[in-house]
Amino acid sequence: MNIDFLRLLMDRTGFPKEAEAAYIESAGRLDPEAVDGAISFFYETDFDIAQLTPLIEDISQSSGVSVHTVWGLFLAFAAERAHEDYLSQGISEQVFFDTFSDLRYKAVECMHNKGVWGTFVQFWYPIFYRCDIVKLGRLEYETITYDGPAREVAGVRLCPGRKVANIHIPSSGEPFDLESRLQSYKLAYDFFKDIRGEGPLVCVCHSWLLYPEYRKVLSGSSNIVSFQDDFTILEIDDGSFRDAWRVFGPAADGPTGQLPEDTSMQRAFKQHLLAGGKNGSALGVLVFDGERLLK
């Protein structure tokens, strides 16, 4: 439980000053031996969140610190070893800190939704400690093995067993326009030489942002609509709006008629929900040759 590393991580990843102060104060209330033991257990069990959860809950109960804050602190302290693992794989320190800036994004989301600094999506993080994800520019890329049916997209054969980059869109607040995305795709093209060989970079993404129905909700100039245009949509999953909290925050659990209308996106999605519009997500594939998106 290295406080100096915690300070370094928060500084390099741009934590808000209020979050830094809250984390340092809360860390002083934790049992260092319990935290270090939990970190060792985390690595020994291949980052099994379910097995780790009782330990984190015990630390929260004994310290009086919110379990969300304990999770956030735990993941920050556990990142010290991940830092060494990323560097040992030849990944730059800058990419490491850019990647673990995700802890800041989730801390801000936690404050907005739960009223404390920390995280409530701890299940998302094992891939970070396995060194299976990197943030390159605006987007995060997770290395996965494609397991869907064989398809041909933009002249590229996508077959089961092929390594691809799975795109995630962090809530970093950074620009999400086409130029920013292209810059990220170029960085990924250079970074993932091992999985693309001499061919183009193949990425997949499964997200509510790709759900075609939302083109009717958002304006034609929306960056989300533009993002959909980067992909060939493979599968559409109709269902509930599980990601409503990303648009409406904690109010998402309340009555639809009382949802906030503070932003144009909130207003558009509220009207969509009130009108009984369809919701869901979609799986798309993106093919990039280093300069342009192929269709």
Protein backbone atom coordinates (compact mmCIF):
# COMPACT_ATOMS: atom_id res chain seq x y z
CA MET A 1 0.00 0.00 0.00
CA ASN A 2 2.33 2.62 -1.40
CA ILE A 3 1.00 6.13 -0.73
CA ASP A 4 3.76 7.66 -2.85
CA PHE A 5 2.63 5.60 -5.86
CA LEU A 6 -0.99 6.59 -5.19
CA ARG A 7 0.02 10.27 -5.28
CA LEU A 8 2.03 9.71 -8.48
CA LEU A 9 -0.83 7.88 -10.17
CA MET A 10 -3.37 10.55 -9.30
CA ASP A 11 -1.02 13.30 -10.45
CA ARG A 12 -0.15 11.65 -13.77
CA THR A 13 -3.78 10.75 -14.51
CA GLY A 14 -5.23 14.15 -13.64
CA PHE A 15 -7.44 13.34 -10.65
CA PRO A 16 -9.45 16.33 -9.43
CA LYS A 17 -7.92 17.92 -6.33
CA GLU A 18 -11.01 17.09 -4.27
CA ALA A 19 -10.68 13.43 -5.28
CA GLU A 20 -6.97 13.41 -4.42
CA ALA A 21 -7.67 14.81 -0.97
CA ALA A 22 -10.51 12.34 -0.36
CA TYR A 23 -8.40 9.38 -1.46
CA ILE A 24 -5.43 10.36 0.72
CA GLU A 25 -7.67 10.90 3.75
CA SER A 26 -9.49 7.61 3.19
CA ALA A 27 -6.27 5.70 2.55
CA GLY A 28 -5.06 6.77 5.99
CA ARG A 29 -8.01 4.89 7.51
CA LEU A 30 -7.28 1.58 5.79
CA ASP A 31 -5.28 -1.30 7.25
CA PRO A 32 -2.14 -1.52 5.05
CA GLU A 33 -1.70 -5.24 5.70
CA ALA A 34 -5.28 -5.96 4.69
CA VAL A 35 -4.92 -3.95 1.48
CA ASP A 36 -1.58 -5.55 0.58
CA GLY A 37 -3.03 -8.97 1.29
CA ALA A 38 -5.99 -8.24 -0.97
CA ILE A 39 -3.64 -7.09 -3.75
CA SER A 40 -1.64 -10.33 -3.52
CA PHE A 41 -4.86 -12.34 -3.55
CA PHE A 42 -6.07 -10.36 -6.59
CA TYR A 43 -3.00 -11.33 -8.60
CA GLU A 44 -2.93 -14.92 -7.33
CA THR A 45 -6.55 -15.53 -8.39
CA ASP A 46 -6.09 -14.08 -11.89
CA PHE A 47 -7.96 -10.92 -10.92
CA ASP A 48 -11.16 -12.65 -9.86
CA ILE A 49 -13.44 -9.83 -8.68
CA ALA A 50 -16.04 -12.20 -7.21
CA GLN A 51 -13.50 -13.87 -4.93
CA LEU A 52 -11.98 -10.52 -3.99
CA THR A 53 -15.28 -8.83 -3.09
CA PRO A 54 -15.59 -10.19 0.48
CA LEU A 55 -12.10 -8.90 1.30
CA ILE A 56 -12.92 -5.42 -0.01
CA GLU A 57 -16.20 -5.39 1.91
CA ASP A 58 -14.35 -6.38 5.11
CA ILE A 59 -11.86 -3.55 4.59
CA SER A 60 -14.74 -1.13 4.05
CA GLN A 61 -16.58 -2.29 7.16
CA SER A 62 -13.53 -2.20 9.45
CA SER A 63 -12.37 1.22 8.22
CA GLY A 64 -15.75 2.95 7.88
CA VAL A 65 -14.79 3.98 4.34
CA SER A 66 -17.41 3.62 1.58
CA VAL A 67 -17.00 0.37 -0.29
CA HIS A 68 -16.93 2.35 -3.55
CA THR A 69 -13.98 4.38 -2.27
CA VAL A 70 -12.22 1.25 -1.06
CA TRP A 71 -12.58 -0.27 -4.52
CA GLY A 72 -11.16 2.87 -6.12
CA LEU A 73 -8.22 2.96 -3.71
CA PHE A 74 -7.59 -0.76 -4.01
CA LEU A 75 -7.42 -0.56 -7.81
CA ALA A 76 -5.06 2.41 -7.58
CA PHE A 77 -2.70 0.65 -5.16
CA ALA A 78 -2.85 -2.57 -7.23
CA ALA A 79 -1.79 -0.56 -10.30
CA GLU A 80 1.77 -0.28 -8.95
CA ARG A 81 2.51 -3.86 -9.96
CA ALA A 82 0.60 -3.40 -13.24
CA HIS A 83 2.87 -0.43 -13.95
CA GLU A 84 5.89 -2.74 -13.85
CA ASP A 85 4.08 -5.34 -15.98
CA TYR A 86 3.18 -2.83 -18.70
CA LEU A 87 6.74 -1.54 -18.89
CA SER A 88 8.14 -5.08 -19.02
CA GLN A 89 6.02 -5.67 -22.13
CA GLY A 90 7.59 -2.68 -23.85
CA ILE A 91 4.58 -0.42 -23.35
CA SER A 92 5.61 3.14 -22.61
CA GLU A 93 5.03 4.79 -19.26
CA GLN A 94 2.93 7.44 -20.99
CA VAL A 95 0.61 4.81 -22.45
CA PHE A 96 0.39 3.16 -19.02
CA PHE A 97 -0.73 6.36 -17.32
CA ASP A 98 -3.05 7.24 -20.20
CA THR A 99 -4.62 3.79 -19.82
CA PHE A 100 -4.99 3.98 -16.05
CA SER A 101 -6.58 7.40 -16.37
CA ASP A 102 -9.68 5.22 -16.57
CA LEU A 103 -9.55 5.13 -12.76
CA ARG A 104 -10.13 8.88 -12.82
CA TYR A 105 -13.04 8.65 -15.26
CA LYS A 106 -14.74 6.05 -13.09
CA ALA A 107 -14.04 8.04 -9.90
CA VAL A 108 -15.80 11.06 -11.43
CA GLU A 109 -18.72 8.85 -12.54
CA CYS A 110 -18.91 7.39 -9.04
CA MET A 111 -19.08 10.83 -7.44
CA HIS A 112 -21.82 11.85 -9.88
CA ASN A 113 -23.87 8.68 -9.40
CA LYS A 114 -23.07 7.58 -5.81
CA GLY A 115 -21.90 10.78 -4.11
CA VAL A 116 -18.42 9.45 -3.22
CA TRP A 117 -15.08 9.18 -5.00
CA GLY A 118 -14.30 5.61 -6.02
CA THR A 119 -15.82 3.15 -8.45
CA PHE A 120 -18.95 1.02 -8.70
CA VAL A 121 -17.87 -0.86 -11.85
CA GLN A 122 -14.96 -2.84 -10.40
CA PHE A 123 -15.94 -5.82 -12.59
CA TRP A 124 -14.59 -3.87 -15.58
CA TYR A 125 -10.98 -3.76 -14.43
CA PRO A 126 -9.32 -7.23 -14.61
CA ILE A 127 -8.26 -6.60 -18.23
CA PHE A 128 -6.20 -3.62 -17.04
CA TYR A 129 -4.16 -5.77 -14.68
CA ARG A 130 -3.68 -8.47 -17.30
CA CYS A 131 -2.19 -5.77 -19.56
CA ASP A 132 -4.86 -6.55 -22.16
CA ILE A 133 -5.99 -2.95 -22.74
CA VAL A 134 -4.32 0.31 -23.71
CA LYS A 135 -5.60 3.83 -24.27
CA LEU A 136 -4.28 5.34 -27.48
CA GLY A 137 -5.52 8.86 -28.01
CA ARG A 138 -9.25 9.14 -27.48
CA LEU A 139 -10.09 5.42 -27.39
CA GLU A 140 -9.22 2.30 -25.43
CA TYR A 141 -8.31 -0.94 -27.21
CA GLU A 142 -8.63 -4.40 -25.67
CA THR A 143 -6.94 -7.34 -27.37
CA ILE A 144 -9.48 -10.14 -27.86
CA THR A 145 -10.04 -13.22 -29.99
CA TYR A 146 -12.94 -12.94 -32.40
CA ASP A 147 -15.44 -15.75 -31.78
CA GLY A 148 -18.31 -14.82 -34.07
CA PRO A 149 -19.27 -16.32 -37.42
CA ALA A 150 -16.92 -15.95 -40.38
CA ARG A 151 -17.56 -12.75 -42.33
CA GLU A 152 -15.93 -10.63 -44.99
CA VAL A 153 -15.83 -6.88 -44.35
CA ALA A 154 -14.05 -4.37 -46.59
CA GLY A 155 -12.19 -7.19 -48.30
CA VAL A 156 -10.92 -8.60 -45.01
CA ARG A 157 -11.83 -12.11 -43.89
CA LEU A 158 -12.94 -12.07 -40.26
CA CYS A 159 -12.77 -15.63 -38.93
CA PRO A 160 -13.13 -17.20 -35.47
CA GLY A 161 -9.79 -17.30 -33.68
CA ARG A 162 -8.46 -14.10 -35.23
CA LYS A 163 -6.97 -11.54 -32.86
CA VAL A 164 -8.68 -8.16 -33.11
CA ALA A 165 -8.77 -4.93 -31.14
CA ASN A 166 -11.98 -4.36 -29.19
CA ILE A 167 -12.75 -0.64 -28.90
CA HIS A 168 -14.04 0.95 -25.70
CA ILE A 169 -15.09 4.60 -25.42
CA PRO A 170 -14.07 6.01 -22.03
CA SER A 171 -15.97 8.90 -20.47
CA SER A 172 -12.84 11.05 -20.52
CA GLY A 173 -14.53 14.23 -21.72
CA GLU A 174 -12.04 14.52 -24.58
CA PRO A 175 -13.15 15.50 -28.09
CA PHE A 176 -14.92 12.68 -29.90
CA ASP A 177 -14.97 14.15 -33.40
CA LEU A 178 -13.78 12.28 -36.50
CA GLU A 179 -10.34 13.90 -36.43
CA SER A 180 -9.76 12.76 -32.84
CA ARG A 181 -10.92 9.26 -33.65
CA LEU A 182 -8.74 9.01 -36.74
CA GLN A 183 -5.74 10.06 -34.70
CA SER A 184 -6.53 7.26 -32.27
CA TYR A 185 -6.97 4.71 -35.07
CA LYS A 186 -3.56 5.68 -36.46
CA LEU A 187 -1.93 5.18 -33.07
CA ALA A 188 -3.64 1.80 -32.77
CA TYR A 189 -2.54 0.83 -36.29
CA ASP A 190 1.08 1.38 -35.28
CA PHE A 191 0.69 -0.20 -31.85
CA PHE A 192 -1.00 -3.44 -32.94
CA LYS A 193 1.46 -4.56 -35.59
CA ASP A 194 1.57 -7.99 -33.98
CA ILE A 195 -2.12 -8.70 -34.55
CA ARG A 196 -2.58 -7.08 -37.95
CA GLY A 197 0.62 -8.31 -39.63
CA GLU A 198 0.96 -6.65 -43.00
CA GLY A 199 -2.75 -6.03 -43.32
CA PRO A 200 -5.16 -3.41 -42.05
CA LEU A 201 -6.18 -3.03 -38.42
CA VAL A 202 -9.45 -4.79 -37.62
CA CYS A 203 -11.41 -3.53 -34.64
CA VAL A 204 -14.75 -4.54 -33.19
CA CYS A 205 -17.01 -2.63 -30.84
CA HIS A 206 -20.18 -3.60 -29.02
CA SER A 207 -21.87 -0.53 -27.60
CA TRP A 208 -25.11 1.34 -27.16
CA LEU A 209 -23.44 4.13 -29.14
CA LEU A 210 -23.67 1.95 -32.26
CA TYR A 211 -27.39 1.20 -31.96
CA PRO A 212 -28.80 2.38 -35.34
CA GLU A 213 -32.12 3.52 -33.86
CA TYR A 214 -30.31 6.34 -32.07
CA ARG A 215 -29.58 7.99 -35.42
CA LYS A 216 -33.22 9.09 -35.27
CA VAL A 217 -32.72 10.51 -31.78
CA LEU A 218 -29.55 12.54 -32.36
CA SER A 219 -28.81 15.30 -34.83
CA GLY A 220 -26.97 14.52 -38.05
CA SER A 221 -23.98 16.47 -36.75
CA SER A 222 -23.71 14.32 -33.62
CA ASN A 223 -20.31 12.72 -33.00
CA ILE A 224 -22.15 9.55 -31.98
CA VAL A 225 -23.80 9.36 -35.41
CA SER A 226 -20.41 10.02 -37.00
CA PHE A 227 -18.89 7.25 -34.87
CA GLN A 228 -21.51 4.81 -36.18
CA ASP A 229 -20.37 5.68 -39.70
CA ASP A 230 -16.88 4.37 -38.88
CA PHE A 231 -18.29 0.84 -38.59
CA THR A 232 -20.04 -1.85 -40.53
CA ILE A 233 -22.82 -3.02 -38.22
CA LEU A 234 -22.83 -6.80 -37.83
CA GLU A 235 -25.46 -7.46 -35.16
CA ILE A 236 -28.20 -5.43 -33.50
CA ASP A 237 -29.40 -6.21 -29.98
CA ASP A 238 -32.79 -4.74 -29.16
CA GLY A 239 -33.55 -4.41 -25.48
CA SER A 240 -33.65 -2.05 -22.53
CA PHE A 241 -31.63 1.14 -22.21
CA ARG A 242 -29.11 -0.29 -19.72
CA ASP A 243 -26.76 2.61 -20.31
CA ALA A 244 -29.31 5.29 -19.44
CA TRP A 245 -27.19 6.24 -16.41
CA ARG A 246 -24.47 7.39 -18.81
CA VAL A 247 -26.89 9.98 -20.17
CA PHE A 248 -28.97 10.84 -17.11
CA GLY A 249 -26.73 9.94 -14.15
CA PRO A 250 -28.46 8.79 -10.96
CA ALA A 251 -31.80 10.15 -12.22
CA ALA A 252 -31.90 7.29 -14.74
CA ASP A 253 -33.54 5.05 -12.14
CA GLY A 254 -36.46 7.44 -11.65
CA PRO A 255 -39.67 7.98 -13.63
CA THR A 256 -39.08 8.77 -17.29
CA GLY A 257 -41.18 11.93 -17.08
CA GLN A 258 -38.88 13.31 -14.40
CA LEU A 259 -35.60 12.70 -16.24
CA PRO A 260 -33.41 15.83 -16.46
CA GLU A 261 -33.25 17.92 -19.61
CA ASP A 262 -30.06 19.85 -18.91
CA THR A 263 -28.29 18.88 -22.16
CA SER A 264 -29.39 18.39 -25.75
CA MET A 265 -28.61 14.68 -25.44
CA GLN A 266 -30.76 14.36 -22.33
CA ARG A 267 -33.62 16.16 -24.00
CA ALA A 268 -33.37 13.99 -27.12
CA PHE A 269 -33.21 10.71 -25.23
CA LYS A 270 -35.99 11.71 -22.83
CA GLN A 271 -38.32 12.37 -25.74
CA HIS A 272 -37.26 9.09 -27.31
CA LEU A 273 -38.07 7.18 -24.12
CA LEU A 274 -41.36 8.98 -23.58
CA ALA A 275 -42.39 8.13 -27.14
CA GLY A 276 -41.71 4.46 -26.51
CA GLY A 277 -38.70 4.39 -28.82
CA LYS A 278 -36.60 1.27 -29.24
CA ASN A 279 -33.36 0.84 -27.27
CA GLY A 280 -30.42 -1.48 -27.44
CA SER A 281 -26.85 -1.88 -28.61
CA ALA A 282 -25.00 -3.14 -31.65
CA LEU A 283 -21.82 -4.92 -32.69
CA GLY A 284 -19.76 -3.31 -35.39
CA VAL A 285 -16.45 -3.90 -37.16
CA LEU A 286 -14.02 -1.21 -38.27
CA VAL A 287 -11.22 -1.74 -40.80
CA PHE A 288 -8.43 0.85 -40.96
CA ASP A 289 -5.44 0.78 -43.32
CA GLY A 290 -3.33 3.32 -41.48
CA GLU A 291 -4.75 6.31 -43.32
CA ARG A 292 -8.43 5.73 -43.97
CA LEU A 293 -11.40 3.67 -42.94
CA LEU A 294 -12.25 0.91 -45.40
CA LYS A 295 -15.82 -0.06 -46.21
